[in-house]
Amino acid sequence: MGRGLSDLQKTILKLAAANAARGVGVDNGVHLYASEVMIAVYDFKVTGWRDTVGSHKFDVSVIGEGKYQAAAAAISRAFARLEARGRVMRYSGAVSHWSGIALTDLGQSTARLL
């Protein structure tokens, strides 16, 4: 028996849908990056950019190692669970450290209902 979507999963779907509606992901298919969730949900402040798309840079010494790792793990689990439920497809950089999702049709329709 499956459980409903968590608050984090719902927020991720809403953020991705909002980005998709603005045309984000047209070039590379990614509607939402994990770093965007860190900003929107956890209020992490961006301190710079890495040289790859979707790679915001955060000062972990300011955030706190434990808090940063807990957020990254929660986002990773949420992405994986949304993918298992058919609502997103996950993407990640082959060389760099970024991850993102693209909404599926089911994810788009779920987001509209939230």
C-alpha atoms as a PDB file:
ATOM      1  CA  MET A   1       0.000   0.000   0.000  1.00  0.00           C
ATOM      2  CA  GLY A   2       1.487   3.313  -1.066  1.00  0.00           C
ATOM      3  CA  ARG A   3       1.440   6.477   0.951  1.00  0.00           C
ATOM      4  CA  GLY A   4       0.589   9.905  -0.394  1.00  0.00           C
ATOM      5  CA  LEU A   5       3.110  12.462  -1.476  1.00  0.00           C
ATOM      6  CA  SER A   6       5.164  14.159   1.223  1.00  0.00           C
ATOM      7  CA  ASP A   7       5.122  17.937   1.623  1.00  0.00           C
ATOM      8  CA  LEU A   8       8.599  18.058   0.086  1.00  0.00           C
ATOM      9  CA  GLN A   9       7.496  16.001  -2.926  1.00  0.00           C
ATOM     10  CA  LYS A  10       4.473  18.255  -3.436  1.00  0.00           C
ATOM     11  CA  THR A  11       6.669  21.350  -3.248  1.00  0.00           C
ATOM     12  CA  ILE A  12       9.107  19.853  -5.747  1.00  0.00           C
ATOM     13  CA  LEU A  13       6.288  19.125  -8.196  1.00  0.00           C
ATOM     14  CA  LYS A  14       4.935  22.666  -7.821  1.00  0.00           C
ATOM     15  CA  LEU A  15       8.374  24.239  -8.335  1.00  0.00           C
ATOM     16  CA  ALA A  16       9.062  22.075 -11.386  1.00  0.00           C
ATOM     17  CA  ALA A  17       5.639  22.852 -12.866  1.00  0.00           C
ATOM     18  CA  ALA A  18       6.154  26.582 -12.357  1.00  0.00           C
ATOM     19  CA  ASN A  19       9.535  26.378 -14.089  1.00  0.00           C
ATOM     20  CA  ALA A  20       8.083  24.308 -16.935  1.00  0.00           C
ATOM     21  CA  ALA A  21       5.300  26.869 -17.414  1.00  0.00           C
ATOM     22  CA  ARG A  22       7.988  29.571 -17.772  1.00  0.00           C
ATOM     23  CA  GLY A  23       9.773  27.502 -20.414  1.00  0.00           C
ATOM     24  CA  VAL A  24      12.600  26.263 -18.184  1.00  0.00           C
ATOM     25  CA  GLY A  25      13.977  23.012 -19.524  1.00  0.00           C
ATOM     26  CA  VAL A  26      13.280  23.685 -23.185  1.00  0.00           C
ATOM     27  CA  ASP A  27      16.971  23.388 -24.052  1.00  0.00           C
ATOM     28  CA  ASN A  28      18.004  20.491 -21.819  1.00  0.00           C
ATOM     29  CA  GLY A  29      14.759  18.936 -20.553  1.00  0.00           C
ATOM     30  CA  VAL A  30      15.449  19.632 -16.880  1.00  0.00           C
ATOM     31  CA  HIS A  31      12.623  21.506 -15.159  1.00  0.00           C
ATOM     32  CA  LEU A  32      14.114  21.713 -11.676  1.00  0.00           C
ATOM     33  CA  TYR A  33      17.555  21.300 -10.122  1.00  0.00           C
ATOM     34  CA  ALA A  34      18.241  20.058  -6.604  1.00  0.00           C
ATOM     35  CA  SER A  35      20.024  23.319  -5.871  1.00  0.00           C
ATOM     36  CA  GLU A  36      16.815  25.230  -6.624  1.00  0.00           C
ATOM     37  CA  VAL A  37      15.033  23.131  -4.005  1.00  0.00           C
ATOM     38  CA  MET A  38      17.805  23.950  -1.525  1.00  0.00           C
ATOM     39  CA  ILE A  39      17.154  27.635  -2.153  1.00  0.00           C
ATOM     40  CA  ALA A  40      13.349  27.529  -2.158  1.00  0.00           C
ATOM     41  CA  VAL A  41      12.716  25.024   0.625  1.00  0.00           C
ATOM     42  CA  TYR A  42      15.747  25.269   2.894  1.00  0.00           C
ATOM     43  CA  ASP A  43      16.561  28.945   2.258  1.00  0.00           C
ATOM     44  CA  PHE A  44      20.229  28.225   1.505  1.00  0.00           C
ATOM     45  CA  LYS A  45      21.998  31.303   0.196  1.00  0.00           C
ATOM     46  CA  VAL A  46      23.883  31.086  -3.111  1.00  0.00           C
ATOM     47  CA  THR A  47      27.510  32.143  -2.803  1.00  0.00           C
ATOM     48  CA  GLY A  48      28.513  31.593  -6.437  1.00  0.00           C
ATOM     49  CA  TRP A  49      28.247  29.351  -9.435  1.00  0.00           C
ATOM     50  CA  ARG A  50      30.099  26.308 -10.621  1.00  0.00           C
ATOM     51  CA  ASP A  51      30.843  26.031 -14.308  1.00  0.00           C
ATOM     52  CA  THR A  52      27.891  23.749 -15.113  1.00  0.00           C
ATOM     53  CA  VAL A  53      24.182  24.360 -15.465  1.00  0.00           C
ATOM     54  CA  GLY A  54      22.173  23.961 -12.279  1.00  0.00           C
ATOM     55  CA  SER A  55      25.251  24.018 -10.094  1.00  0.00           C
ATOM     56  CA  HIS A  56      24.713  26.707  -7.527  1.00  0.00           C
ATOM     57  CA  LYS A  57      27.488  27.023  -5.012  1.00  0.00           C
ATOM     58  CA  PHE A  58      26.678  27.110  -1.316  1.00  0.00           C
ATOM     59  CA  ASP A  59      28.994  27.860   1.590  1.00  0.00           C
ATOM     60  CA  VAL A  60      28.603  24.691   3.639  1.00  0.00           C
ATOM     61  CA  SER A  61      30.586  26.218   6.502  1.00  0.00           C
ATOM     62  CA  VAL A  62      27.831  28.836   6.889  1.00  0.00           C
ATOM     63  CA  ILE A  63      24.939  26.403   6.407  1.00  0.00           C
ATOM     64  CA  GLY A  64      26.468  23.652   8.509  1.00  0.00           C
ATOM     65  CA  GLU A  65      27.698  20.321   7.179  1.00  0.00           C
ATOM     66  CA  GLY A  66      24.977  18.292   8.877  1.00  0.00           C
ATOM     67  CA  LYS A  67      22.156  20.569   7.740  1.00  0.00           C
ATOM     68  CA  TYR A  68      23.478  20.635   4.172  1.00  0.00           C
ATOM     69  CA  GLN A  69      23.908  16.846   3.978  1.00  0.00           C
ATOM     70  CA  ALA A  70      20.453  16.240   5.483  1.00  0.00           C
ATOM     71  CA  ALA A  71      18.850  18.550   2.911  1.00  0.00           C
ATOM     72  CA  ALA A  72      20.755  16.943   0.031  1.00  0.00           C
ATOM     73  CA  ALA A  73      19.717  13.466   1.182  1.00  0.00           C
ATOM     74  CA  ALA A  74      16.064  14.471   1.601  1.00  0.00           C
ATOM     75  CA  ILE A  75      15.972  16.002  -1.874  1.00  0.00           C
ATOM     76  CA  SER A  76      17.669  12.960  -3.403  1.00  0.00           C
ATOM     77  CA  ARG A  77      15.145  10.620  -1.741  1.00  0.00           C
ATOM     78  CA  ALA A  78      12.236  12.806  -2.833  1.00  0.00           C
ATOM     79  CA  PHE A  79      13.486  12.835  -6.439  1.00  0.00           C
ATOM     80  CA  ALA A  80      13.899   9.030  -6.343  1.00  0.00           C
ATOM     81  CA  ARG A  81      10.427   8.469  -4.889  1.00  0.00           C
ATOM     82  CA  LEU A  82       8.811  10.783  -7.413  1.00  0.00           C
ATOM     83  CA  GLU A  83      10.605   8.908 -10.178  1.00  0.00           C
ATOM     84  CA  ALA A  84       9.454   5.546  -8.776  1.00  0.00           C
ATOM     85  CA  ARG A  85       5.892   6.877  -8.833  1.00  0.00           C
ATOM     86  CA  GLY A  86       6.239   7.889 -12.483  1.00  0.00           C
ATOM     87  CA  ARG A  87       5.941  11.619 -11.866  1.00  0.00           C
ATOM     88  CA  VAL A  88       9.459  12.695 -12.874  1.00  0.00           C
ATOM     89  CA  MET A  89      12.554  11.566 -14.714  1.00  0.00           C
ATOM     90  CA  ARG A  90      15.851  12.188 -12.941  1.00  0.00           C
ATOM     91  CA  TYR A  91      18.968  13.608 -14.570  1.00  0.00           C
ATOM     92  CA  SER A  92      22.474  14.150 -13.258  1.00  0.00           C
ATOM     93  CA  GLY A  93      25.759  15.472 -14.505  1.00  0.00           C
ATOM     94  CA  ALA A  94      28.235  12.862 -15.677  1.00  0.00           C
ATOM     95  CA  VAL A  95      31.231  14.814 -14.453  1.00  0.00           C
ATOM     96  CA  SER A  96      29.872  17.559 -12.240  1.00  0.00           C
ATOM     97  CA  HIS A  97      27.779  17.289  -9.098  1.00  0.00           C
ATOM     98  CA  TRP A  98      24.291  18.329 -10.066  1.00  0.00           C
ATOM     99  CA  SER A  99      20.946  16.613 -10.257  1.00  0.00           C
ATOM    100  CA  GLY A 100      17.617  17.614 -11.638  1.00  0.00           C
ATOM    101  CA  ILE A 101      14.239  16.361 -12.717  1.00  0.00           C
ATOM    102  CA  ALA A 102      11.855  16.675 -15.617  1.00  0.00           C
ATOM    103  CA  LEU A 103       8.142  16.283 -15.084  1.00  0.00           C
ATOM    104  CA  THR A 104       6.357  13.451 -16.840  1.00  0.00           C
ATOM    105  CA  ASP A 105       2.779  13.855 -18.052  1.00  0.00           C
ATOM    106  CA  LEU A 106       1.628  12.271 -14.779  1.00  0.00           C
ATOM    107  CA  GLY A 107       3.820  14.716 -12.838  1.00  0.00           C
ATOM    108  CA  GLN A 108       2.345  17.659 -14.751  1.00  0.00           C
ATOM    109  CA  SER A 109      -1.207  16.540 -14.047  1.00  0.00           C
ATOM    110  CA  THR A 110      -0.410  15.859 -10.380  1.00  0.00           C
ATOM    111  CA  ALA A 111       1.130  19.322  -9.999  1.00  0.00           C
ATOM    112  CA  ARG A 112      -2.002  20.921 -11.466  1.00  0.00           C
ATOM    113  CA  LEU A 113      -4.066  19.227  -8.755  1.00  0.00           C
ATOM    114  CA  LEU A 114      -1.893  20.497  -5.885  1.00  0.00           C
END
